[in-house]
Protein backbone atom coordinates (compact mmCIF):
# COMPACT_ATOMS: atom_id res chain seq x y z
CA MET A 1 -51.73 4.60 -30.92
CA SER A 2 -50.55 7.03 -28.27
CA SER A 3 -46.94 7.25 -27.17
CA ALA A 4 -47.95 6.12 -23.68
CA GLU A 5 -49.33 2.91 -25.11
CA SER A 6 -46.23 2.18 -27.21
CA VAL A 7 -43.81 2.77 -24.34
CA GLY A 8 -45.84 1.35 -21.50
CA GLY A 9 -47.59 -1.37 -23.47
CA GLY A 10 -51.05 -0.23 -22.36
CA SER A 11 -49.92 0.74 -18.85
CA SER A 12 -51.93 3.20 -16.83
CA PRO A 13 -50.51 6.68 -16.15
CA GLU A 14 -49.81 5.61 -12.53
CA GLN A 15 -47.91 2.53 -13.73
CA LEU A 16 -45.89 4.69 -16.13
CA ARG A 17 -44.98 7.11 -13.31
CA GLU A 18 -43.79 4.17 -11.23
CA LEU A 19 -41.81 2.76 -14.17
CA ILE A 20 -40.16 6.13 -14.84
CA ALA A 21 -39.40 6.59 -11.13
CA SER A 22 -37.77 3.14 -11.00
CA LEU A 23 -35.50 4.07 -13.93
CA SER A 24 -34.62 7.55 -12.73
CA SER A 25 -31.54 8.50 -10.74
CA ARG A 26 -32.12 9.41 -7.13
CA ASN A 27 -31.84 13.08 -6.22
CA GLN A 28 -29.82 12.33 -3.10
CA VAL A 29 -27.36 9.58 -2.25
CA GLU A 30 -25.91 9.08 1.23
CA SER A 31 -22.16 8.51 1.38
CA PRO A 32 -19.48 8.36 4.11
CA PHE A 33 -18.77 11.99 3.16
CA GLY A 34 -22.36 13.12 3.61
CA ALA A 35 -25.36 13.48 1.34
CA LEU A 36 -24.61 13.88 -2.37
CA ASP A 37 -27.28 15.88 -4.23
CA PHE A 38 -28.18 15.47 -7.91
CA PHE A 39 -30.63 16.94 -10.40
CA ASP A 40 -31.64 14.57 -13.20
CA GLY A 41 -28.54 12.48 -12.45
CA VAL A 42 -26.18 15.46 -12.67
CA PRO A 43 -24.27 16.35 -9.47
CA LEU A 44 -25.02 19.77 -8.04
CA PRO A 45 -22.08 22.16 -7.44
CA GLY A 46 -21.93 21.36 -3.70
CA THR A 47 -21.77 17.64 -4.48
CA VAL A 48 -18.98 18.15 -7.01
CA SER A 49 -16.97 20.08 -4.41
CA LYS A 50 -17.67 17.42 -1.75
CA VAL A 51 -16.59 14.59 -4.10
CA TYR A 52 -13.33 16.37 -5.01
CA ASP A 53 -12.64 16.93 -1.29
CA ALA A 54 -13.26 13.21 -0.69
CA LEU A 55 -10.89 12.29 -3.54
CA ASP A 56 -8.23 14.63 -2.09
CA LEU A 57 -8.62 12.96 1.32
CA MET A 58 -8.38 9.45 -0.14
CA ARG A 59 -5.30 10.39 -2.19
CA GLY A 60 -3.68 11.92 0.90
CA ILE A 61 -4.28 8.70 2.84
CA GLU A 62 -2.85 6.66 -0.05
CA VAL A 63 0.28 8.84 -0.17
CA PHE A 64 0.73 8.52 3.59
CA LEU A 65 0.40 4.73 3.49
CA ASN A 66 2.79 4.46 0.54
CA ALA A 67 5.38 6.51 2.46
CA VAL A 68 5.35 4.28 5.56
CA PRO A 69 8.04 1.85 4.26
CA GLY A 70 10.43 4.71 3.44
CA ALA A 71 9.81 6.41 6.79
CA SER A 72 10.38 3.07 8.53
CA LEU A 73 13.72 2.61 6.75
CA VAL A 74 14.84 6.15 7.61
CA ALA A 75 14.20 5.37 11.30
CA MET A 76 15.89 1.95 10.98
CA ARG A 77 18.95 3.49 9.31
CA ARG A 78 19.15 6.13 12.05
CA GLY A 79 18.95 3.42 14.71
CA LEU A 80 21.64 1.33 13.01
CA ARG A 81 23.96 4.34 12.76
CA THR A 82 23.36 5.12 16.45
CA SER A 83 24.41 1.57 17.34
CA GLY A 84 27.59 1.77 15.25
CA VAL A 85 26.42 0.21 11.97
CA SER A 86 27.48 3.01 9.65
CA SER A 87 28.95 1.20 6.64
CA ALA A 88 28.42 -1.95 4.64
CA ARG A 89 31.47 -3.43 6.41
CA THR A 90 29.50 -3.57 9.66
CA ILE A 91 26.38 -5.64 10.23
CA GLY A 92 24.06 -5.39 13.19
CA TYR A 93 22.69 -8.76 14.28
CA THR A 94 20.60 -10.41 16.96
CA GLU A 95 22.65 -12.69 19.19
CA PRO A 96 21.97 -15.57 19.21
CA ARG A 97 18.35 -15.06 18.07
CA ALA A 98 15.72 -12.35 18.05
CA ASN A 99 13.80 -11.93 21.31
CA SER A 100 11.32 -9.55 22.90
CA ARG A 101 14.07 -6.91 23.31
CA SER A 102 14.80 -6.86 19.57
CA LEU A 103 13.71 -3.67 17.85
CA PHE A 104 12.08 -5.41 14.91
CA LEU A 105 8.44 -5.19 13.98
CA THR A 106 7.74 -8.93 13.78
CA PRO A 107 10.87 -10.98 14.47
CA ASN A 108 10.86 -14.74 14.49
CA THR A 109 12.39 -15.75 17.87
CA GLU A 110 14.03 -18.81 16.31
CA THR A 111 16.09 -16.75 13.87
CA THR A 112 19.27 -14.72 14.02
CA TYR A 113 18.81 -11.51 12.05
CA GLY A 114 21.56 -9.44 10.53
CA THR A 115 21.03 -6.09 8.87
CA THR A 116 22.95 -3.24 7.35
CA VAL A 117 22.25 -0.37 5.01
CA LEU A 118 24.06 -0.11 1.68
CA ASP A 119 24.69 3.28 0.09
CA LEU A 120 25.69 2.43 -3.46
CA ARG A 121 25.56 6.08 -4.48
CA GLU A 122 28.29 6.91 -1.94
CA TRP A 123 30.29 3.66 -2.01
CA GLY A 124 29.79 2.53 -5.61
CA PRO A 125 29.51 -1.16 -6.53
CA THR A 126 29.49 -3.33 -3.42
CA VAL A 127 30.18 -7.06 -3.09
CA ILE A 128 28.10 -8.90 -0.51
CA GLU A 129 29.77 -11.94 0.99
CA ALA A 130 27.07 -13.82 2.87
CA PRO A 131 27.96 -16.04 5.85
CA PRO A 132 27.98 -19.79 5.11
CA GLN A 133 24.59 -21.51 5.24
CA SER A 134 22.74 -18.21 5.57
CA LEU A 135 19.49 -17.25 3.94
CA CYS A 136 19.73 -13.59 2.99
CA VAL A 137 17.69 -11.12 1.01
CA VAL A 138 18.46 -7.67 -0.37
CA ASP A 139 15.59 -5.18 -0.49
CA ASP A 140 15.59 -1.59 -1.66
CA PHE A 141 14.72 1.38 0.54
CA TRP A 142 10.99 0.75 0.02
CA PHE A 143 11.18 -2.94 1.06
CA ARG A 144 10.95 -4.08 -2.55
CA TYR A 145 12.83 -7.28 -3.38
CA VAL A 146 16.17 -6.87 -5.18
CA ALA A 147 18.08 -10.17 -4.85
CA ASP A 148 18.78 -13.27 -2.78
CA THR A 149 22.20 -14.01 -1.32
CA GLY A 150 23.53 -16.94 0.69
CA ILE A 151 22.05 -20.38 0.03
CA ALA A 152 19.11 -18.98 -1.99
CA ARG A 153 21.21 -16.97 -4.45
CA PRO A 154 20.99 -17.76 -8.16
CA GLY A 155 23.13 -20.68 -9.26
CA GLN A 156 22.83 -22.51 -5.92
CA ARG A 157 20.87 -25.74 -5.94
CA ARG A 158 20.45 -25.76 -2.15
CA GLY A 159 17.21 -24.74 -0.53
CA ARG A 160 14.96 -25.80 -3.41
């Protein structure tokens, strides 16, 4: 029995060529970064370079997007300092509620917002005394949750 018969099960040479072609890797693949060229499934040097450039671009975009919260807080802190909110003893707030003049990204116009920036490195441990019946949250400089204060703080049964 020939090897063609054992592999192809009695297939004709044309059928075997078609079978092999269907199992083979393509020599060129289109991508958003252009054509990627291969030989026997192995990327050619130009393709390797193009793929590394694409990975560098994607990583650069990821780094930029991850830095947006920090950049936003730097601008917010600068704005608060300009308006006189320069220590944890001072809070900037919307009076009586947020409106279209508020410099917030997406304020709820039925809510009064108060904000300040804490610098624990400079001031050391800081006690936050929330106004009565307030719902407050503490985030870090990257908008990651740290703690609740006010009616949602631990140990309070209100708001559940």
